[in-house]
Amino acid sequence: MNESDIILSTVKEQVNIEDETTEFDSDIRSLVNSAFFSLYQVGVGPSKPFFISDTTTWEEFVTEVPKDVVLEYIVLKTRLVFDPPATSTIIDAYKDRISELEFRMNIEVDNGGGIADGG
């Protein structure tokens, strides 16, 4: 299993934490799980809430939404709590992007995988 396949490792990398650094793993894992629960509530992902462990892979999260979009969403949600930006302008930009991603992912799911697919 490649470290880039493990959700926790991928998110840690995106929030600038070395994979070998484990003292924040429980905090990051909790924030990632919260973000996945938010995705569940907007209709993205499996029919039951999805939660990760230290070794959960991206392949285990099945959704119509591309992985990179889900990753961006989870990273932004995690950063806002774990390492918030110093200025309110950037915080507002993160929040706006999170809202846009939620909206677009929800449309993707409602369309059955995209407008071009005839959904």
N, C-alpha and C. Protein backbone atom coordinates (compact mmCIF):
# COMPACT_ATOMS: atom_id res chain seq x y z
N MET A 1 0.85 -1.18 0.00
CA MET A 1 0.00 0.00 0.00
C MET A 1 0.89 1.24 0.00
N ASN A 2 0.63 2.14 -0.90
CA ASN A 2 1.37 3.37 -1.04
C ASN A 2 0.83 4.41 -0.05
N GLU A 3 1.72 5.21 0.54
CA GLU A 3 1.28 6.23 1.50
C GLU A 3 0.31 7.22 0.86
N SER A 4 0.44 7.44 -0.46
CA SER A 4 -0.47 8.38 -1.12
C SER A 4 -1.88 7.80 -1.24
N ASP A 5 -2.04 6.50 -0.98
CA ASP A 5 -3.36 5.86 -1.00
C ASP A 5 -4.06 5.98 0.36
N ILE A 6 -3.32 6.27 1.40
CA ILE A 6 -3.87 6.35 2.75
C ILE A 6 -4.41 7.76 2.99
N ILE A 7 -5.67 7.86 3.36
CA ILE A 7 -6.32 9.15 3.51
C ILE A 7 -5.61 10.01 4.55
N LEU A 8 -5.32 9.47 5.72
CA LEU A 8 -4.67 10.25 6.78
C LEU A 8 -3.33 10.80 6.31
N SER A 9 -2.54 9.98 5.64
CA SER A 9 -1.23 10.43 5.15
C SER A 9 -1.37 11.54 4.12
N THR A 10 -2.34 11.41 3.24
CA THR A 10 -2.55 12.41 2.20
C THR A 10 -2.95 13.74 2.81
N VAL A 11 -3.88 13.71 3.75
CA VAL A 11 -4.33 14.95 4.38
C VAL A 11 -3.19 15.58 5.19
N LYS A 12 -2.45 14.77 5.92
CA LYS A 12 -1.32 15.30 6.68
C LYS A 12 -0.33 16.02 5.76
N GLU A 13 -0.05 15.42 4.63
CA GLU A 13 0.87 16.03 3.67
C GLU A 13 0.33 17.39 3.21
N GLN A 14 -0.97 17.45 2.94
CA GLN A 14 -1.58 18.68 2.45
C GLN A 14 -1.64 19.79 3.51
N VAL A 15 -1.63 19.42 4.78
CA VAL A 15 -1.61 20.43 5.84
C VAL A 15 -0.20 20.60 6.42
N ASN A 16 0.79 20.15 5.65
CA ASN A 16 2.20 20.35 5.97
C ASN A 16 2.67 19.67 7.25
N ILE A 17 2.21 18.43 7.44
CA ILE A 17 2.69 17.61 8.55
C ILE A 17 3.39 16.40 7.94
N GLU A 18 4.62 16.17 8.36
CA GLU A 18 5.36 15.00 7.87
C GLU A 18 4.63 13.73 8.29
N ASP A 19 4.62 12.74 7.42
CA ASP A 19 3.92 11.50 7.73
C ASP A 19 4.50 10.82 8.96
N GLU A 20 5.80 11.00 9.20
CA GLU A 20 6.45 10.38 10.37
C GLU A 20 6.03 11.05 11.68
N THR A 21 5.51 12.26 11.60
CA THR A 21 5.04 12.98 12.78
C THR A 21 3.65 12.46 13.13
N THR A 22 3.54 11.83 14.28
CA THR A 22 2.27 11.18 14.62
C THR A 22 1.54 11.82 15.80
N GLU A 23 2.14 12.81 16.45
CA GLU A 23 1.49 13.37 17.65
C GLU A 23 0.18 14.11 17.35
N PHE A 24 -0.05 14.46 16.09
CA PHE A 24 -1.30 15.14 15.72
C PHE A 24 -2.29 14.21 15.02
N ASP A 25 -1.95 12.94 14.90
CA ASP A 25 -2.79 12.02 14.13
C ASP A 25 -4.22 11.94 14.64
N SER A 26 -4.41 11.87 15.94
CA SER A 26 -5.78 11.76 16.45
C SER A 26 -6.57 13.03 16.16
N ASP A 27 -5.93 14.19 16.25
CA ASP A 27 -6.60 15.45 15.94
C ASP A 27 -6.98 15.51 14.46
N ILE A 28 -6.02 15.17 13.60
CA ILE A 28 -6.27 15.21 12.16
C ILE A 28 -7.33 14.18 11.79
N ARG A 29 -7.23 12.98 12.33
CA ARG A 29 -8.20 11.92 12.03
C ARG A 29 -9.61 12.37 12.44
N SER A 30 -9.74 12.99 13.58
CA SER A 30 -11.04 13.48 14.04
C SER A 30 -11.60 14.54 13.09
N LEU A 31 -10.76 15.46 12.66
CA LEU A 31 -11.21 16.51 11.74
C LEU A 31 -11.57 15.94 10.37
N VAL A 32 -10.80 14.97 9.91
CA VAL A 32 -11.10 14.32 8.64
C VAL A 32 -12.44 13.58 8.74
N ASN A 33 -12.65 12.88 9.83
CA ASN A 33 -13.92 12.17 10.01
C ASN A 33 -15.09 13.15 10.06
N SER A 34 -14.89 14.28 10.68
CA SER A 34 -15.93 15.30 10.71
C SER A 34 -16.24 15.80 9.30
N ALA A 35 -15.20 16.00 8.50
CA ALA A 35 -15.39 16.44 7.11
C ALA A 35 -16.11 15.37 6.29
N PHE A 36 -15.75 14.11 6.49
CA PHE A 36 -16.46 13.03 5.80
C PHE A 36 -17.93 12.98 6.23
N PHE A 37 -18.20 13.26 7.49
CA PHE A 37 -19.58 13.28 7.95
C PHE A 37 -20.35 14.43 7.29
N SER A 38 -19.70 15.56 7.13
CA SER A 38 -20.33 16.67 6.41
C SER A 38 -20.64 16.27 4.97
N LEU A 39 -19.73 15.56 4.34
CA LEU A 39 -19.98 15.08 2.98
C LEU A 39 -21.19 14.15 2.95
N TYR A 40 -21.26 13.27 3.92
CA TYR A 40 -22.41 12.35 4.04
C TYR A 40 -23.71 13.14 4.12
N GLN A 41 -23.71 14.21 4.92
CA GLN A 41 -24.93 14.99 5.11
C GLN A 41 -25.36 15.75 3.86
N VAL A 42 -24.42 16.04 2.95
CA VAL A 42 -24.81 16.68 1.69
C VAL A 42 -24.98 15.66 0.58
N GLY A 43 -24.95 14.37 0.93
CA GLY A 43 -25.26 13.33 -0.03
C GLY A 43 -24.08 12.79 -0.81
N VAL A 44 -22.87 13.05 -0.36
CA VAL A 44 -21.68 12.59 -1.07
C VAL A 44 -21.09 11.39 -0.34
N GLY A 45 -20.84 10.31 -1.09
CA GLY A 45 -20.21 9.14 -0.51
C GLY A 45 -21.19 7.99 -0.30
N PRO A 46 -20.76 7.03 0.52
CA PRO A 46 -21.58 5.84 0.76
C PRO A 46 -22.89 6.17 1.45
N SER A 47 -23.79 5.19 1.50
CA SER A 47 -25.11 5.40 2.11
C SER A 47 -25.06 5.46 3.63
N LYS A 48 -23.92 5.09 4.22
CA LYS A 48 -23.72 5.20 5.66
C LYS A 48 -22.54 6.14 5.90
N PRO A 49 -22.50 6.82 7.05
CA PRO A 49 -21.36 7.70 7.33
C PRO A 49 -20.04 6.94 7.22
N PHE A 50 -19.04 7.61 6.69
CA PHE A 50 -17.72 7.03 6.44
C PHE A 50 -16.73 7.62 7.44
N PHE A 51 -15.99 6.76 8.11
CA PHE A 51 -14.98 7.20 9.06
C PHE A 51 -13.67 6.49 8.78
N ILE A 52 -12.57 7.19 8.98
CA ILE A 52 -11.27 6.60 8.68
C ILE A 52 -10.55 6.13 9.94
N SER A 53 -9.59 5.24 9.71
CA SER A 53 -8.61 4.85 10.73
C SER A 53 -7.26 5.32 10.19
N ASP A 54 -6.19 4.91 10.83
CA ASP A 54 -4.86 5.31 10.37
C ASP A 54 -4.50 4.72 9.02
N THR A 55 -5.16 3.64 8.62
CA THR A 55 -4.78 2.95 7.39
C THR A 55 -5.86 2.94 6.32
N THR A 56 -6.94 3.68 6.51
CA THR A 56 -8.02 3.70 5.52
C THR A 56 -7.52 4.32 4.22
N THR A 57 -7.87 3.69 3.11
CA THR A 57 -7.40 4.17 1.80
C THR A 57 -8.51 4.91 1.06
N TRP A 58 -8.09 5.65 0.04
CA TRP A 58 -9.04 6.38 -0.79
C TRP A 58 -9.97 5.42 -1.53
N GLU A 59 -9.48 4.24 -1.86
CA GLU A 59 -10.32 3.26 -2.57
C GLU A 59 -11.53 2.84 -1.75
N GLU A 60 -11.45 2.98 -0.43
CA GLU A 60 -12.55 2.59 0.44
C GLU A 60 -13.68 3.61 0.46
N PHE A 61 -13.39 4.83 0.02
CA PHE A 61 -14.42 5.88 -0.05
C PHE A 61 -14.96 5.91 -1.46
N VAL A 62 -16.16 5.38 -1.63
CA VAL A 62 -16.75 5.28 -2.96
C VAL A 62 -17.74 6.41 -3.16
N THR A 63 -17.53 7.19 -4.23
CA THR A 63 -18.41 8.31 -4.54
C THR A 63 -18.30 8.64 -6.03
N GLU A 64 -19.29 9.36 -6.51
CA GLU A 64 -19.29 9.82 -7.90
C GLU A 64 -18.36 11.01 -8.09
N VAL A 65 -17.98 11.65 -7.00
CA VAL A 65 -17.17 12.86 -7.04
C VAL A 65 -15.69 12.48 -7.16
N PRO A 66 -14.95 13.17 -8.03
CA PRO A 66 -13.52 12.87 -8.18
C PRO A 66 -12.75 13.02 -6.86
N LYS A 67 -11.78 12.15 -6.66
CA LYS A 67 -10.97 12.14 -5.43
C LYS A 67 -10.36 13.50 -5.13
N ASP A 68 -9.83 14.18 -6.15
CA ASP A 68 -9.18 15.47 -5.91
C ASP A 68 -10.13 16.51 -5.35
N VAL A 69 -11.38 16.46 -5.74
CA VAL A 69 -12.37 17.39 -5.22
C VAL A 69 -12.67 17.08 -3.76
N VAL A 70 -12.85 15.80 -3.47
CA VAL A 70 -13.08 15.38 -2.08
C VAL A 70 -11.88 15.74 -1.22
N LEU A 71 -10.68 15.50 -1.73
CA LEU A 71 -9.46 15.82 -0.98
C LEU A 71 -9.38 17.32 -0.68
N GLU A 72 -9.65 18.15 -1.68
CA GLU A 72 -9.61 19.61 -1.46
C GLU A 72 -10.58 20.00 -0.35
N TYR A 73 -11.78 19.47 -0.40
CA TYR A 73 -12.79 19.77 0.60
C TYR A 73 -12.32 19.37 2.00
N ILE A 74 -11.83 18.15 2.12
CA ILE A 74 -11.40 17.65 3.43
C ILE A 74 -10.21 18.44 3.96
N VAL A 75 -9.28 18.78 3.09
CA VAL A 75 -8.12 19.56 3.51
C VAL A 75 -8.54 20.95 3.99
N LEU A 76 -9.41 21.60 3.24
CA LEU A 76 -9.85 22.94 3.65
C LEU A 76 -10.58 22.89 4.99
N LYS A 77 -11.48 21.92 5.16
CA LYS A 77 -12.19 21.79 6.43
C LYS A 77 -11.21 21.51 7.58
N THR A 78 -10.22 20.68 7.33
CA THR A 78 -9.23 20.34 8.35
C THR A 78 -8.37 21.55 8.69
N ARG A 79 -7.89 22.26 7.68
CA ARG A 79 -7.05 23.45 7.92
C ARG A 79 -7.77 24.51 8.73
N LEU A 80 -9.04 24.72 8.46
CA LEU A 80 -9.78 25.77 9.17
C LEU A 80 -9.77 25.58 10.68
N VAL A 81 -9.73 24.34 11.12
CA VAL A 81 -9.74 24.07 12.56
C VAL A 81 -8.34 23.81 13.08
N PHE A 82 -7.57 23.00 12.37
CA PHE A 82 -6.26 22.59 12.87
C PHE A 82 -5.21 23.70 12.76
N ASP A 83 -5.20 24.40 11.63
CA ASP A 83 -4.20 25.44 11.40
C ASP A 83 -4.85 26.59 10.64
N PRO A 84 -5.73 27.35 11.31
CA PRO A 84 -6.47 28.39 10.59
C PRO A 84 -5.55 29.49 10.06
N PRO A 85 -5.92 30.04 8.92
CA PRO A 85 -5.14 31.15 8.36
C PRO A 85 -5.13 32.33 9.32
N ALA A 86 -4.12 33.18 9.18
CA ALA A 86 -3.95 34.31 10.09
C ALA A 86 -4.91 35.46 9.82
N THR A 87 -5.43 35.55 8.60
CA THR A 87 -6.30 36.68 8.29
C THR A 87 -7.72 36.23 8.02
N SER A 88 -8.66 37.10 8.35
CA SER A 88 -10.07 36.78 8.13
C SER A 88 -10.39 36.70 6.64
N THR A 89 -9.64 37.41 5.81
CA THR A 89 -9.86 37.35 4.37
C THR A 89 -9.63 35.94 3.84
N ILE A 90 -8.56 35.31 4.28
CA ILE A 90 -8.25 33.95 3.83
C ILE A 90 -9.24 32.96 4.45
N ILE A 91 -9.60 33.15 5.69
CA ILE A 91 -10.61 32.30 6.33
C ILE A 91 -11.92 32.36 5.54
N ASP A 92 -12.33 33.56 5.18
CA ASP A 92 -13.55 33.72 4.39
C ASP A 92 -13.42 33.06 3.02
N ALA A 93 -12.24 33.15 2.42
CA ALA A 93 -12.02 32.49 1.12
C ALA A 93 -12.13 30.97 1.27
N TYR A 94 -11.56 30.41 2.34
CA TYR A 94 -11.69 28.97 2.60
C TYR A 94 -13.15 28.58 2.76
N LYS A 95 -13.88 29.35 3.57
CA LYS A 95 -15.29 29.04 3.81
C LYS A 95 -16.11 29.13 2.52
N ASP A 96 -15.82 30.15 1.71
CA ASP A 96 -16.52 30.28 0.43
C ASP A 96 -16.23 29.09 -0.48
N ARG A 97 -14.98 28.67 -0.50
CA ARG A 97 -14.61 27.53 -1.35
C ARG A 97 -15.26 26.25 -0.84
N ILE A 98 -15.30 26.07 0.46
CA ILE A 98 -15.97 24.90 1.05
C ILE A 98 -17.44 24.88 0.64
N SER A 99 -18.10 26.02 0.75
CA SER A 99 -19.52 26.10 0.36
C SER A 99 -19.70 25.80 -1.12
N GLU A 100 -18.82 26.33 -1.95
CA GLU A 100 -18.92 26.05 -3.39
C GLU A 100 -18.70 24.57 -3.68
N LEU A 101 -17.72 23.97 -3.03
CA LEU A 101 -17.47 22.54 -3.23
C LEU A 101 -18.66 21.70 -2.79
N GLU A 102 -19.25 22.04 -1.65
CA GLU A 102 -20.44 21.31 -1.20
C GLU A 102 -21.55 21.40 -2.24
N PHE A 103 -21.78 22.60 -2.74
CA PHE A 103 -22.81 22.81 -3.74
C PHE A 103 -22.53 22.00 -5.01
N ARG A 104 -21.31 22.08 -5.50
CA ARG A 104 -20.97 21.39 -6.75
C ARG A 104 -20.96 19.86 -6.58
N MET A 105 -20.47 19.39 -5.43
CA MET A 105 -20.48 17.94 -5.21
C MET A 105 -21.92 17.43 -5.11
N ASN A 106 -22.78 18.21 -4.46
CA ASN A 106 -24.17 17.81 -4.35
C ASN A 106 -24.83 17.75 -5.72
N ILE A 107 -24.54 18.71 -6.58
CA ILE A 107 -25.06 18.68 -7.95
C ILE A 107 -24.54 17.45 -8.68
N GLU A 108 -23.26 17.15 -8.51
CA GLU A 108 -22.67 15.97 -9.17
C GLU A 108 -23.39 14.70 -8.75
N VAL A 109 -23.65 14.57 -7.47
CA VAL A 109 -24.34 13.38 -6.97
C VAL A 109 -25.79 13.35 -7.48
N ASP A 110 -26.46 14.49 -7.45
CA ASP A 110 -27.85 14.55 -7.92
C ASP A 110 -27.97 14.24 -9.41
N ASN A 111 -26.94 14.56 -10.16
CA ASN A 111 -26.95 14.31 -11.60
C ASN A 111 -26.46 12.91 -11.94
N GLY A 112 -26.16 12.11 -10.96
CA GLY A 112 -25.73 10.74 -11.21
C GLY A 112 -24.37 10.65 -11.85
N GLY A 113 -23.49 11.58 -11.55
CA GLY A 113 -22.12 11.50 -12.07
C GLY A 113 -21.80 12.55 -13.11
N GLY A 114 -22.70 13.46 -13.35
CA GLY A 114 -22.38 14.56 -14.26
C GLY A 114 -23.45 14.80 -15.30
N ILE A 115 -23.59 16.02 -15.68
CA ILE A 115 -24.59 16.42 -16.66
C ILE A 115 -24.33 15.75 -18.00
N ALA A 116 -23.06 15.66 -18.40
CA ALA A 116 -22.71 15.08 -19.70
C ALA A 116 -23.09 13.60 -19.78
N ASP A 117 -23.24 12.96 -18.63
CA ASP A 117 -23.59 11.53 -18.61
C ASP A 117 -25.08 11.31 -18.83
N GLY A 118 -25.82 12.39 -18.98
CA GLY A 118 -27.25 12.26 -19.19
C GLY A 118 -28.04 12.09 -17.90
N GLY A 119 -27.35 12.35 -16.76
CA GLY A 119 -27.98 12.12 -15.47
C GLY A 119 -28.83 13.19 -15.02
